[in-house]
């Protein structure tokens, strides 16, 4: 199988890119048939973050090259999710401007990709990766429950919050090796969630 330098299979990268485009389109079409309780997934930052993270975790290869490739896959995946959504929206006769979330993908995507890959590492790296991903999920959970819950319902926001807490608990139980890692994971999750909440409210 053809591989990139350091052992990263190009075939897996191709799958990630293709899947990102298709899943981005699917999130647009899913708005028409998902139950109300799950509908916020298709229009949330945590939804696309989750998809990007899962794809990068699957694709992560040789640990020696994982960080570099994960950063590239993270930004590419997030941006392609946005573009896929945009194309599908156009096919449905709707208009969606990808500028905002496209820029968000370029800025945040590399960090999401690296965080996802680091979940497979022990110690500080796992703690940092968990802090970012769990923090995003918890931040949007709080945002949803305090800002838009009257129009969206609480089910999705509760679910994404619980998923984030499960990720944090799993890291503390399986990857943390001492007080430093525990502090980074727990405190980092709290800080990221607060920053996310403030930023999301500022963006409107």
N, C-alpha and C. Protein backbone atom coordinates (compact mmCIF):
# COMPACT_ATOMS: atom_id res chain seq x y z
N UNK A 1 0.85 -1.20 0.00
CA UNK A 1 0.00 0.00 0.00
C UNK A 1 0.88 1.24 0.00
N UNK A 2 0.58 2.20 -0.83
CA UNK A 2 1.36 3.41 -0.92
C UNK A 2 1.25 4.19 0.38
N UNK A 3 2.38 4.69 0.86
CA UNK A 3 2.37 5.43 2.11
C UNK A 3 3.07 6.76 1.95
N UNK A 4 2.68 7.69 2.80
CA UNK A 4 3.38 8.97 2.86
C UNK A 4 4.64 8.79 3.69
N UNK A 5 5.56 9.80 3.66
CA UNK A 5 6.75 9.71 4.48
C UNK A 5 6.36 9.49 5.93
N UNK A 6 7.06 8.60 6.63
CA UNK A 6 6.75 8.31 8.01
C UNK A 6 5.72 7.23 8.18
N UNK A 7 5.21 6.67 7.08
CA UNK A 7 4.32 5.53 7.21
C UNK A 7 2.85 5.83 7.15
N UNK A 8 2.46 7.06 6.87
CA UNK A 8 1.05 7.40 6.81
C UNK A 8 0.45 6.94 5.49
N UNK A 9 -0.52 6.05 5.49
CA UNK A 9 -1.10 5.58 4.23
C UNK A 9 -1.85 6.68 3.51
N UNK A 10 -1.48 6.93 2.25
CA UNK A 10 -2.22 7.91 1.46
C UNK A 10 -3.66 7.46 1.26
N UNK A 11 -3.87 6.16 1.21
CA UNK A 11 -5.23 5.67 0.99
C UNK A 11 -6.15 6.08 2.12
N UNK A 12 -5.66 6.06 3.35
CA UNK A 12 -6.49 6.48 4.48
C UNK A 12 -6.77 7.98 4.42
N UNK A 13 -5.77 8.74 4.02
CA UNK A 13 -5.98 10.18 3.88
C UNK A 13 -7.05 10.46 2.82
N UNK A 14 -7.00 9.72 1.72
CA UNK A 14 -7.99 9.90 0.66
C UNK A 14 -9.39 9.56 1.15
N UNK A 15 -9.49 8.52 1.97
CA UNK A 15 -10.79 8.16 2.54
C UNK A 15 -11.30 9.26 3.44
N UNK A 16 -10.43 9.84 4.25
CA UNK A 16 -10.83 10.92 5.14
C UNK A 16 -11.36 12.11 4.36
N UNK A 17 -10.66 12.49 3.30
CA UNK A 17 -11.07 13.64 2.50
C UNK A 17 -12.40 13.39 1.80
N UNK A 18 -12.53 12.21 1.21
CA UNK A 18 -13.77 11.86 0.52
C UNK A 18 -14.93 11.79 1.50
N UNK A 19 -14.71 11.12 2.62
CA UNK A 19 -15.76 10.98 3.63
C UNK A 19 -16.17 12.34 4.19
N UNK A 20 -15.22 13.23 4.36
CA UNK A 20 -15.53 14.57 4.89
C UNK A 20 -16.47 15.31 3.95
N UNK A 21 -16.17 15.28 2.66
CA UNK A 21 -17.02 15.96 1.69
C UNK A 21 -18.43 15.36 1.69
N UNK A 22 -18.50 14.02 1.70
CA UNK A 22 -19.80 13.35 1.67
C UNK A 22 -20.58 13.58 2.96
N UNK A 23 -19.91 13.49 4.09
CA UNK A 23 -20.58 13.70 5.37
C UNK A 23 -21.05 15.13 5.53
N UNK A 24 -20.27 16.08 5.01
CA UNK A 24 -20.71 17.47 5.03
C UNK A 24 -22.01 17.65 4.27
N UNK A 25 -22.08 17.01 3.09
CA UNK A 25 -23.32 17.07 2.32
C UNK A 25 -24.46 16.37 3.03
N UNK A 26 -24.15 15.25 3.68
CA UNK A 26 -25.19 14.49 4.37
C UNK A 26 -25.78 15.28 5.53
N UNK A 27 -24.96 16.07 6.22
CA UNK A 27 -25.50 16.87 7.32
C UNK A 27 -26.54 17.87 6.84
N UNK A 28 -26.37 18.36 5.62
CA UNK A 28 -27.37 19.27 5.07
C UNK A 28 -28.67 18.52 4.77
N UNK A 29 -28.55 17.40 4.08
CA UNK A 29 -29.75 16.62 3.75
C UNK A 29 -30.42 16.08 5.01
N UNK A 30 -29.62 15.77 6.03
CA UNK A 30 -30.16 15.21 7.27
C UNK A 30 -31.08 16.18 7.99
N UNK A 31 -30.92 17.46 7.72
CA UNK A 31 -31.80 18.44 8.36
C UNK A 31 -33.26 18.21 7.99
N UNK A 32 -33.47 17.51 6.87
CA UNK A 32 -34.84 17.29 6.43
C UNK A 32 -35.50 16.07 7.04
N UNK A 33 -34.70 15.17 7.66
CA UNK A 33 -35.33 13.94 8.16
C UNK A 33 -34.94 13.54 9.59
N UNK A 34 -33.93 14.18 10.18
CA UNK A 34 -33.58 13.83 11.55
C UNK A 34 -34.69 14.29 12.51
N UNK A 35 -34.94 13.54 13.57
CA UNK A 35 -35.91 13.99 14.57
C UNK A 35 -35.44 15.27 15.22
N UNK A 36 -36.38 16.02 15.76
CA UNK A 36 -36.05 17.32 16.35
C UNK A 36 -34.97 17.20 17.43
N UNK A 37 -34.98 16.11 18.18
CA UNK A 37 -34.01 15.95 19.27
C UNK A 37 -32.57 15.89 18.77
N UNK A 38 -32.37 15.36 17.55
CA UNK A 38 -31.02 15.21 17.00
C UNK A 38 -30.67 16.28 15.99
N UNK A 39 -31.63 17.11 15.61
CA UNK A 39 -31.42 18.09 14.54
C UNK A 39 -30.26 19.04 14.79
N UNK A 40 -29.99 19.50 16.02
CA UNK A 40 -28.87 20.43 16.22
C UNK A 40 -27.52 19.88 15.80
N UNK A 41 -27.38 18.54 15.74
CA UNK A 41 -26.11 17.95 15.31
C UNK A 41 -25.71 18.44 13.93
N UNK A 42 -26.69 18.65 13.05
CA UNK A 42 -26.40 19.01 11.67
C UNK A 42 -26.06 20.49 11.51
N UNK A 43 -26.18 21.25 12.57
CA UNK A 43 -25.93 22.68 12.47
C UNK A 43 -25.15 23.17 13.68
N UNK A 44 -24.16 22.37 14.08
CA UNK A 44 -23.41 22.72 15.28
C UNK A 44 -21.92 22.53 15.05
N UNK A 45 -21.13 23.34 15.75
CA UNK A 45 -19.67 23.20 15.66
C UNK A 45 -19.23 21.87 16.24
N UNK A 46 -19.88 21.42 17.30
CA UNK A 46 -19.49 20.15 17.92
C UNK A 46 -19.75 18.97 17.00
N UNK A 47 -20.79 19.06 16.16
CA UNK A 47 -21.08 17.99 15.22
C UNK A 47 -19.95 17.80 14.22
N UNK A 48 -19.51 18.88 13.60
CA UNK A 48 -18.42 18.79 12.64
C UNK A 48 -17.09 18.48 13.33
N UNK A 49 -16.90 18.99 14.55
CA UNK A 49 -15.70 18.66 15.30
C UNK A 49 -15.64 17.16 15.58
N UNK A 50 -16.79 16.59 15.97
CA UNK A 50 -16.85 15.16 16.26
C UNK A 50 -16.53 14.34 15.02
N UNK A 51 -17.11 14.70 13.88
CA UNK A 51 -16.84 13.97 12.65
C UNK A 51 -15.37 14.06 12.25
N UNK A 52 -14.80 15.26 12.33
CA UNK A 52 -13.39 15.43 12.00
C UNK A 52 -12.51 14.59 12.93
N UNK A 53 -12.81 14.64 14.23
CA UNK A 53 -12.00 13.91 15.20
C UNK A 53 -12.07 12.40 14.96
N UNK A 54 -13.26 11.88 14.69
CA UNK A 54 -13.40 10.45 14.46
C UNK A 54 -12.63 10.01 13.22
N UNK A 55 -12.71 10.81 12.17
CA UNK A 55 -12.00 10.47 10.94
C UNK A 55 -10.48 10.50 11.14
N UNK A 56 -9.99 11.50 11.86
CA UNK A 56 -8.55 11.60 12.08
C UNK A 56 -8.06 10.48 12.99
N UNK A 57 -8.83 10.16 14.03
CA UNK A 57 -8.45 9.04 14.90
C UNK A 57 -8.32 7.76 14.09
N UNK A 58 -9.25 7.54 13.17
CA UNK A 58 -9.19 6.35 12.33
C UNK A 58 -7.97 6.37 11.43
N UNK A 59 -7.63 7.54 10.92
CA UNK A 59 -6.56 7.63 9.92
C UNK A 59 -5.17 7.74 10.52
N UNK A 60 -5.08 8.08 11.80
CA UNK A 60 -3.76 8.31 12.40
C UNK A 60 -2.87 7.08 12.25
N UNK A 61 -1.66 7.31 11.77
CA UNK A 61 -0.75 6.21 11.49
C UNK A 61 0.44 6.17 12.42
N UNK A 62 1.62 6.15 11.85
CA UNK A 62 2.86 6.06 12.60
C UNK A 62 2.94 7.22 13.61
N UNK A 63 3.12 6.93 14.92
CA UNK A 63 3.20 8.00 15.91
C UNK A 63 4.28 9.03 15.62
N UNK A 64 5.33 8.64 14.94
CA UNK A 64 6.41 9.58 14.63
C UNK A 64 5.95 10.66 13.67
N UNK A 65 4.95 10.37 12.86
CA UNK A 65 4.46 11.35 11.88
C UNK A 65 3.03 11.77 12.18
N UNK A 66 2.45 11.25 13.26
CA UNK A 66 1.03 11.42 13.50
C UNK A 66 0.63 12.89 13.66
N UNK A 67 1.40 13.65 14.41
CA UNK A 67 1.03 15.04 14.68
C UNK A 67 0.97 15.86 13.39
N UNK A 68 2.01 15.75 12.57
CA UNK A 68 2.07 16.53 11.33
C UNK A 68 0.90 16.17 10.40
N UNK A 69 0.69 14.89 10.20
CA UNK A 69 -0.37 14.47 9.29
C UNK A 69 -1.75 14.76 9.86
N UNK A 70 -1.89 14.60 11.17
CA UNK A 70 -3.18 14.87 11.81
C UNK A 70 -3.56 16.33 11.66
N UNK A 71 -2.61 17.24 11.75
CA UNK A 71 -2.90 18.66 11.58
C UNK A 71 -3.41 18.95 10.17
N UNK A 72 -2.74 18.36 9.18
CA UNK A 72 -3.16 18.56 7.79
C UNK A 72 -4.54 17.95 7.54
N UNK A 73 -4.75 16.75 8.06
CA UNK A 73 -6.04 16.09 7.87
C UNK A 73 -7.15 16.83 8.61
N UNK A 74 -6.81 17.40 9.76
CA UNK A 74 -7.82 18.13 10.52
C UNK A 74 -8.36 19.33 9.76
N UNK A 75 -7.47 20.14 9.21
CA UNK A 75 -7.94 21.33 8.49
C UNK A 75 -8.64 20.92 7.20
N UNK A 76 -8.10 19.93 6.49
CA UNK A 76 -8.72 19.50 5.24
C UNK A 76 -10.10 18.91 5.48
N UNK A 77 -10.22 18.09 6.53
CA UNK A 77 -11.50 17.46 6.83
C UNK A 77 -12.55 18.49 7.20
N UNK A 78 -12.20 19.42 8.07
CA UNK A 78 -13.18 20.41 8.52
C UNK A 78 -13.63 21.28 7.35
N UNK A 79 -12.69 21.74 6.53
CA UNK A 79 -13.05 22.60 5.40
C UNK A 79 -13.90 21.84 4.39
N UNK A 80 -13.58 20.57 4.15
CA UNK A 80 -14.38 19.78 3.20
C UNK A 80 -15.78 19.49 3.75
N UNK A 81 -15.92 19.35 5.06
CA UNK A 81 -17.25 19.22 5.64
C UNK A 81 -18.08 20.46 5.33
N UNK A 82 -17.46 21.62 5.49
CA UNK A 82 -18.16 22.88 5.20
C UNK A 82 -18.52 22.97 3.72
N UNK A 83 -17.59 22.62 2.84
CA UNK A 83 -17.86 22.69 1.41
C UNK A 83 -18.93 21.68 0.99
N UNK A 84 -18.87 20.47 1.56
CA UNK A 84 -19.89 19.49 1.27
C UNK A 84 -21.27 19.96 1.68
N UNK A 85 -21.35 20.57 2.83
CA UNK A 85 -22.61 21.13 3.32
C UNK A 85 -23.11 22.22 2.37
N UNK A 86 -22.19 23.06 1.91
CA UNK A 86 -22.55 24.16 1.02
C UNK A 86 -23.11 23.65 -0.30
N UNK A 87 -22.44 22.65 -0.88
CA UNK A 87 -22.91 22.08 -2.15
C UNK A 87 -24.28 21.44 -1.98
N UNK A 88 -24.46 20.68 -0.90
CA UNK A 88 -25.75 20.03 -0.67
C UNK A 88 -26.86 21.04 -0.44
N UNK A 89 -26.54 22.10 0.26
CA UNK A 89 -27.54 23.15 0.48
C UNK A 89 -27.97 23.76 -0.85
N UNK A 90 -26.99 23.97 -1.74
CA UNK A 90 -27.32 24.52 -3.07
C UNK A 90 -28.21 23.56 -3.85
N UNK A 91 -27.91 22.27 -3.77
CA UNK A 91 -28.73 21.27 -4.46
C UNK A 91 -30.16 21.24 -3.91
N UNK A 92 -30.31 21.61 -2.67
CA UNK A 92 -31.64 21.65 -2.05
C UNK A 92 -32.35 22.98 -2.30
N UNK A 93 -31.70 23.87 -3.06
CA UNK A 93 -32.30 25.16 -3.35
C UNK A 93 -32.14 26.16 -2.24
N UNK A 94 -31.16 25.93 -1.37
CA UNK A 94 -30.93 26.83 -0.24
C UNK A 94 -29.59 27.54 -0.42
N UNK A 95 -29.44 28.66 0.25
CA UNK A 95 -28.17 29.38 0.20
C UNK A 95 -27.45 29.25 1.53
N UNK A 96 -26.17 28.89 1.47
CA UNK A 96 -25.34 28.83 2.67
C UNK A 96 -24.00 29.46 2.35
N UNK A 97 -23.59 30.43 3.15
CA UNK A 97 -22.31 31.09 2.97
C UNK A 97 -21.25 30.35 3.79
N UNK A 98 -20.28 29.72 3.14
CA UNK A 98 -19.29 28.91 3.88
C UNK A 98 -18.15 29.70 4.47
N UNK A 99 -18.15 31.02 4.30
CA UNK A 99 -16.99 31.82 4.67
C UNK A 99 -16.63 31.68 6.14
N UNK A 100 -17.60 31.89 7.03
CA UNK A 100 -17.31 31.89 8.46
C UNK A 100 -16.75 30.56 8.92
N UNK A 101 -17.49 29.47 8.65
CA UNK A 101 -17.03 28.19 9.15
C UNK A 101 -15.85 27.65 8.34
N UNK A 102 -15.69 28.15 7.11
CA UNK A 102 -14.49 27.79 6.36
C UNK A 102 -13.25 28.37 7.03
N UNK A 103 -13.33 29.62 7.46
CA UNK A 103 -12.22 30.25 8.18
C UNK A 103 -12.00 29.56 9.52
N UNK A 104 -13.10 29.25 10.21
CA UNK A 104 -13.00 28.52 11.49
C UNK A 104 -12.28 27.19 11.27
N UNK A 105 -12.62 26.50 10.18
CA UNK A 105 -11.98 25.23 9.88
C UNK A 105 -10.48 25.36 9.66
N UNK A 106 -10.08 26.40 8.95
CA UNK A 106 -8.66 26.62 8.69
C UNK A 106 -7.90 26.91 9.98
N UNK A 107 -8.55 27.66 10.88
CA UNK A 107 -7.89 28.03 12.14
C UNK A 107 -7.92 26.90 13.16
N UNK A 108 -9.08 26.30 13.31
CA UNK A 108 -9.28 25.32 14.38
C UNK A 108 -8.97 23.89 13.92
N UNK A 109 -9.17 23.62 12.62
CA UNK A 109 -9.00 22.27 12.11
C UNK A 109 -7.70 21.60 12.48
N UNK A 110 -6.54 22.27 12.34
CA UNK A 110 -5.28 21.61 12.70
C UNK A 110 -5.24 21.20 14.17
N UNK A 111 -5.80 22.02 15.04
CA UNK A 111 -5.79 21.69 16.47
C UNK A 111 -6.71 20.51 16.77
N UNK A 112 -7.87 20.48 16.09
CA UNK A 112 -8.78 19.35 16.27
C UNK A 112 -8.13 18.07 15.78
N UNK A 113 -7.46 18.14 14.64
CA UNK A 113 -6.78 16.96 14.10
C UNK A 113 -5.70 16.45 15.03
N UNK A 114 -4.86 17.34 15.52
CA UNK A 114 -3.79 16.93 16.43
C UNK A 114 -4.37 16.39 17.73
N UNK A 115 -5.39 17.07 18.26
CA UNK A 115 -6.01 16.61 19.51
C UNK A 115 -6.57 15.20 19.35
N UNK A 116 -7.21 14.94 18.22
CA UNK A 116 -7.78 13.62 17.97
C UNK A 116 -6.69 12.55 17.92
N UNK A 117 -5.59 12.84 17.22
CA UNK A 117 -4.50 11.88 17.13
C UNK A 117 -3.85 11.65 18.49
N UNK A 118 -3.74 12.70 19.29
CA UNK A 118 -3.10 12.59 20.59
C UNK A 118 -3.92 11.79 21.59
N UNK A 119 -5.21 11.56 21.30
CA UNK A 119 -6.01 10.72 22.18
C UNK A 119 -5.43 9.32 22.29
N UNK A 120 -4.67 8.92 21.28
CA UNK A 120 -4.08 7.57 21.26
C UNK A 120 -2.74 7.53 21.98
N UNK A 121 -2.27 8.68 22.46
CA UNK A 121 -0.98 8.75 23.15
C UNK A 121 -1.19 8.72 24.66
N UNK A 122 -0.19 8.33 25.42
CA UNK A 122 -0.30 8.38 26.88
C UNK A 122 0.10 9.74 27.42
N UNK A 123 -0.23 9.99 28.67
CA UNK A 123 0.30 11.14 29.38
C UNK A 123 -0.21 12.48 28.94
N UNK A 124 0.70 13.45 28.86
CA UNK A 124 0.35 14.85 28.63
C UNK A 124 -0.35 15.05 27.29
N UNK A 125 0.10 14.36 26.26
CA UNK A 125 -0.53 14.54 24.94
C UNK A 125 -2.00 14.15 24.98
N UNK A 126 -2.30 13.03 25.59
CA UNK A 126 -3.70 12.61 25.70
C UNK A 126 -4.50 13.62 26.51
N UNK A 127 -3.91 14.15 27.55
CA UNK A 127 -4.59 15.14 28.39
C UNK A 127 -4.90 16.41 27.60
N UNK A 128 -3.93 16.87 26.81
CA UNK A 128 -4.14 18.08 26.00
C UNK A 128 -5.19 17.84 24.92
N UNK A 129 -5.11 16.70 24.25
CA UNK A 129 -6.10 16.39 23.23
C UNK A 129 -7.49 16.32 23.80
N UNK A 130 -7.61 15.69 24.96
CA UNK A 130 -8.91 15.58 25.63
C UNK A 130 -9.44 16.95 26.03
N UNK A 131 -8.58 17.79 26.56
CA UNK A 131 -8.99 19.12 27.00
C UNK A 131 -9.62 19.91 25.85
N UNK A 132 -9.00 19.83 24.67
CA UNK A 132 -9.54 20.57 23.54
C UNK A 132 -10.88 20.00 23.08
N UNK A 133 -10.93 18.70 22.84
CA UNK A 133 -12.14 18.10 22.28
C UNK A 133 -13.28 18.10 23.28
N UNK A 134 -13.02 17.70 24.52
CA UNK A 134 -14.07 17.71 25.53
C UNK A 134 -14.50 19.14 25.84
N UNK A 135 -13.55 20.06 25.80
CA UNK A 135 -13.89 21.46 26.07
C UNK A 135 -14.81 22.05 25.02
N UNK A 136 -14.58 21.71 23.76
CA UNK A 136 -15.47 22.18 22.69
C UNK A 136 -16.87 21.63 22.89
N UNK A 137 -16.95 20.32 23.17
CA UNK A 137 -18.26 19.70 23.37
C UNK A 137 -19.01 20.28 24.56
N UNK A 138 -18.31 20.45 25.68
CA UNK A 138 -18.96 21.01 26.87
C UNK A 138 -19.34 22.47 26.66
N UNK A 139 -18.46 23.21 25.98
CA UNK A 139 -18.76 24.61 25.72
C UNK A 139 -20.01 24.78 24.90
N UNK A 140 -20.15 23.96 23.85
CA UNK A 140 -21.36 24.09 23.03
C UNK A 140 -22.58 23.53 23.76
N UNK A 141 -22.37 22.54 24.61
CA UNK A 141 -23.46 22.03 25.41
C UNK A 141 -24.04 23.13 26.29
N UNK A 142 -23.18 23.85 26.96
CA UNK A 142 -23.64 24.95 27.82
C UNK A 142 -24.28 26.04 26.99
N UNK A 143 -23.67 26.35 25.84
CA UNK A 143 -24.25 27.37 24.96
C UNK A 143 -25.66 26.96 24.54
N UNK A 144 -25.82 25.72 24.10
CA UNK A 144 -27.13 25.27 23.65
C UNK A 144 -28.16 25.31 24.76
N UNK A 145 -27.76 24.86 25.95
CA UNK A 145 -28.71 24.78 27.07
C UNK A 145 -29.06 26.15 27.64
N UNK A 146 -28.22 27.14 27.40
CA UNK A 146 -28.48 28.47 27.98
C UNK A 146 -28.91 29.51 26.96
N UNK A 147 -28.75 29.21 25.66
CA UNK A 147 -29.00 30.24 24.65
C UNK A 147 -30.08 29.87 23.65
N UNK A 148 -30.07 28.64 23.14
CA UNK A 148 -31.00 28.28 22.07
C UNK A 148 -31.91 27.13 22.42
N UNK A 149 -31.91 26.71 23.67
CA UNK A 149 -32.67 25.52 24.07
C UNK A 149 -34.16 25.65 23.79
N UNK A 150 -34.71 26.87 23.86
CA UNK A 150 -36.14 27.06 23.65
C UNK A 150 -36.57 26.73 22.23
N UNK A 151 -35.66 26.87 21.29
CA UNK A 151 -36.01 26.58 19.89
C UNK A 151 -35.50 25.23 19.41
N UNK A 152 -34.53 24.65 20.09
CA UNK A 152 -33.94 23.39 19.63
C UNK A 152 -34.25 22.21 20.54
N UNK A 153 -34.69 22.46 21.75
CA UNK A 153 -34.82 21.39 22.72
C UNK A 153 -33.49 21.11 23.38
N UNK A 154 -33.51 20.30 24.43
CA UNK A 154 -32.30 20.08 25.23
C UNK A 154 -31.57 18.79 24.90
N UNK A 155 -32.20 17.86 24.17
CA UNK A 155 -31.66 16.50 24.03
C UNK A 155 -30.25 16.48 23.47
N UNK A 156 -30.02 17.16 22.34
CA UNK A 156 -28.69 17.09 21.72
C UNK A 156 -27.64 17.72 22.62
N UNK A 157 -27.97 18.85 23.23
CA UNK A 157 -26.99 19.57 24.04
C UNK A 157 -26.61 18.75 25.27
N UNK A 158 -27.57 18.06 25.84
CA UNK A 158 -27.27 17.16 26.96
C UNK A 158 -26.39 16.01 26.48
N UNK A 159 -26.73 15.45 25.32
CA UNK A 159 -25.98 14.30 24.79
C UNK A 159 -24.53 14.66 24.50
N UNK A 160 -24.29 15.80 23.84
CA UNK A 160 -22.91 16.16 23.50
C UNK A 160 -22.13 16.50 24.76
N UNK A 161 -22.80 17.04 25.77
CA UNK A 161 -22.14 17.29 27.04
C UNK A 161 -21.74 15.99 27.72
N UNK A 162 -22.62 14.99 27.69
CA UNK A 162 -22.31 13.70 28.29
C UNK A 162 -21.18 12.99 27.54
N UNK A 163 -21.19 13.06 26.21
CA UNK A 163 -20.10 12.47 25.42
C UNK A 163 -18.77 13.10 25.82
N UNK A 164 -18.76 14.40 26.00
CA UNK A 164 -17.54 15.11 26.39
C UNK A 164 -17.06 14.67 27.77
N UNK A 165 -17.99 14.53 28.70
CA UNK A 165 -17.62 14.08 30.04
C UNK A 165 -17.12 12.64 30.04
N UNK A 166 -17.71 11.79 29.19
CA UNK A 166 -17.24 10.41 29.07
C UNK A 166 -15.82 10.38 28.52
N UNK A 167 -15.54 11.23 27.52
CA UNK A 167 -14.18 11.31 26.98
C UNK A 167 -13.20 11.72 28.06
N UNK A 168 -13.56 12.74 28.83
CA UNK A 168 -12.70 13.20 29.91
C UNK A 168 -12.47 12.09 30.93
N UNK A 169 -13.54 11.42 31.34
CA UNK A 169 -13.42 10.35 32.33
C UNK A 169 -12.56 9.20 31.81
N UNK A 170 -12.72 8.86 30.53
CA UNK A 170 -11.94 7.77 29.95
C UNK A 170 -10.45 8.11 29.94
N UNK A 171 -10.13 9.34 29.61
CA UNK A 171 -8.73 9.75 29.61
C UNK A 171 -8.15 9.72 31.02
N UNK A 172 -8.91 10.22 31.98
CA UNK A 172 -8.43 10.21 33.36
C UNK A 172 -8.21 8.79 33.85
N UNK A 173 -9.05 7.87 33.40
CA UNK A 173 -8.96 6.49 33.88
C UNK A 173 -7.89 5.68 33.16
N UNK A 174 -7.68 5.96 31.86
CA UNK A 174 -6.84 5.07 31.05
C UNK A 174 -5.54 5.69 30.57
N UNK A 175 -5.49 7.01 30.43
CA UNK A 175 -4.31 7.64 29.83
C UNK A 175 -3.50 8.49 30.80
N UNK A 176 -4.16 9.08 31.79
CA UNK A 176 -3.46 9.94 32.74
C UNK A 176 -2.52 9.11 33.59
N UNK A 177 -1.31 9.63 33.82
CA UNK A 177 -0.31 8.89 34.58
C UNK A 177 0.04 9.57 35.91
N UNK A 178 -0.54 10.71 36.17
CA UNK A 178 -0.20 11.40 37.42
C UNK A 178 -0.98 12.69 37.57
N UNK A 179 -0.64 13.46 38.59
CA UNK A 179 -1.38 14.68 38.92
C UNK A 179 -1.31 15.70 37.78
N UNK A 180 -0.17 15.79 37.12
CA UNK A 180 -0.02 16.77 36.04
C UNK A 180 -1.02 16.49 34.92
N UNK A 181 -1.08 15.24 34.46
CA UNK A 181 -2.00 14.90 33.37
C UNK A 181 -3.45 15.10 33.79
N UNK A 182 -3.77 14.73 35.02
CA UNK A 182 -5.15 14.91 35.51
C UNK A 182 -5.52 16.39 35.54
N UNK A 183 -4.59 17.21 36.01
CA UNK A 183 -4.86 18.66 36.08
C UNK A 183 -5.02 19.25 34.70
N UNK A 184 -4.13 18.87 33.77
CA UNK A 184 -4.21 19.39 32.41
C UNK A 184 -5.54 19.01 31.77
N UNK A 185 -5.95 17.75 31.89
CA UNK A 185 -7.18 17.29 31.26
C UNK A 185 -8.40 17.97 31.87
N UNK A 186 -8.50 17.99 33.19
CA UNK A 186 -9.68 18.53 33.85
C UNK A 186 -9.74 20.06 33.75
N UNK A 187 -8.65 20.74 34.13
CA UNK A 187 -8.64 22.19 34.09
C UNK A 187 -8.67 22.69 32.65
N UNK A 188 -7.96 21.99 31.78
CA UNK A 188 -7.94 22.38 30.37
C UNK A 188 -9.32 22.29 29.74
N UNK A 189 -10.06 21.24 30.07
CA UNK A 189 -11.42 21.10 29.55
C UNK A 189 -12.29 22.26 30.01
N UNK A 190 -12.17 22.64 31.27
CA UNK A 190 -12.95 23.75 31.80
C UNK A 190 -12.60 25.06 31.10
N UNK A 191 -11.30 25.29 30.90
CA UNK A 191 -10.86 26.54 30.26
C UNK A 191 -11.32 26.60 28.81
N UNK A 192 -11.12 25.51 28.06
CA UNK A 192 -11.53 25.48 26.66
C UNK A 192 -13.04 25.67 26.53
N UNK A 193 -13.81 25.04 27.40
CA UNK A 193 -15.27 25.18 27.33
C UNK A 193 -15.69 26.63 27.57
N UNK A 194 -15.04 27.29 28.51
CA UNK A 194 -15.37 28.69 28.79
C UNK A 194 -14.99 29.58 27.61
N UNK A 195 -13.79 29.38 27.06
CA UNK A 195 -13.35 30.17 25.91
C UNK A 195 -14.28 29.95 24.73
N UNK A 196 -14.64 28.68 24.49
CA UNK A 196 -15.56 28.37 23.39
C UNK A 196 -16.89 29.08 23.60
N UNK A 197 -17.43 29.00 24.81
CA UNK A 197 -18.71 29.62 25.10
C UNK A 197 -18.69 31.12 24.84
N UNK A 198 -17.66 31.79 25.31
CA UNK A 198 -17.54 33.23 25.12
C UNK A 198 -17.37 33.58 23.63
N UNK A 199 -16.55 32.80 22.93
CA UNK A 199 -16.33 33.06 21.51
C UNK A 199 -17.60 32.83 20.70
N UNK A 200 -18.32 31.76 21.00
CA UNK A 200 -19.53 31.44 20.27
C UNK A 200 -20.59 32.50 20.46
N UNK A 201 -20.70 32.99 21.69
CA UNK A 201 -21.67 34.06 21.96
C UNK A 201 -21.26 35.35 21.25
N UNK A 202 -19.95 35.60 21.17
CA UNK A 202 -19.49 36.79 20.46
C UNK A 202 -19.79 36.71 18.97
N UNK A 203 -19.70 35.49 18.40
CA UNK A 203 -20.01 35.31 16.98
C UNK A 203 -21.50 35.36 16.70
N UNK A 204 -22.31 35.22 17.73
CA UNK A 204 -23.75 35.27 17.55
C UNK A 204 -24.32 33.97 17.12
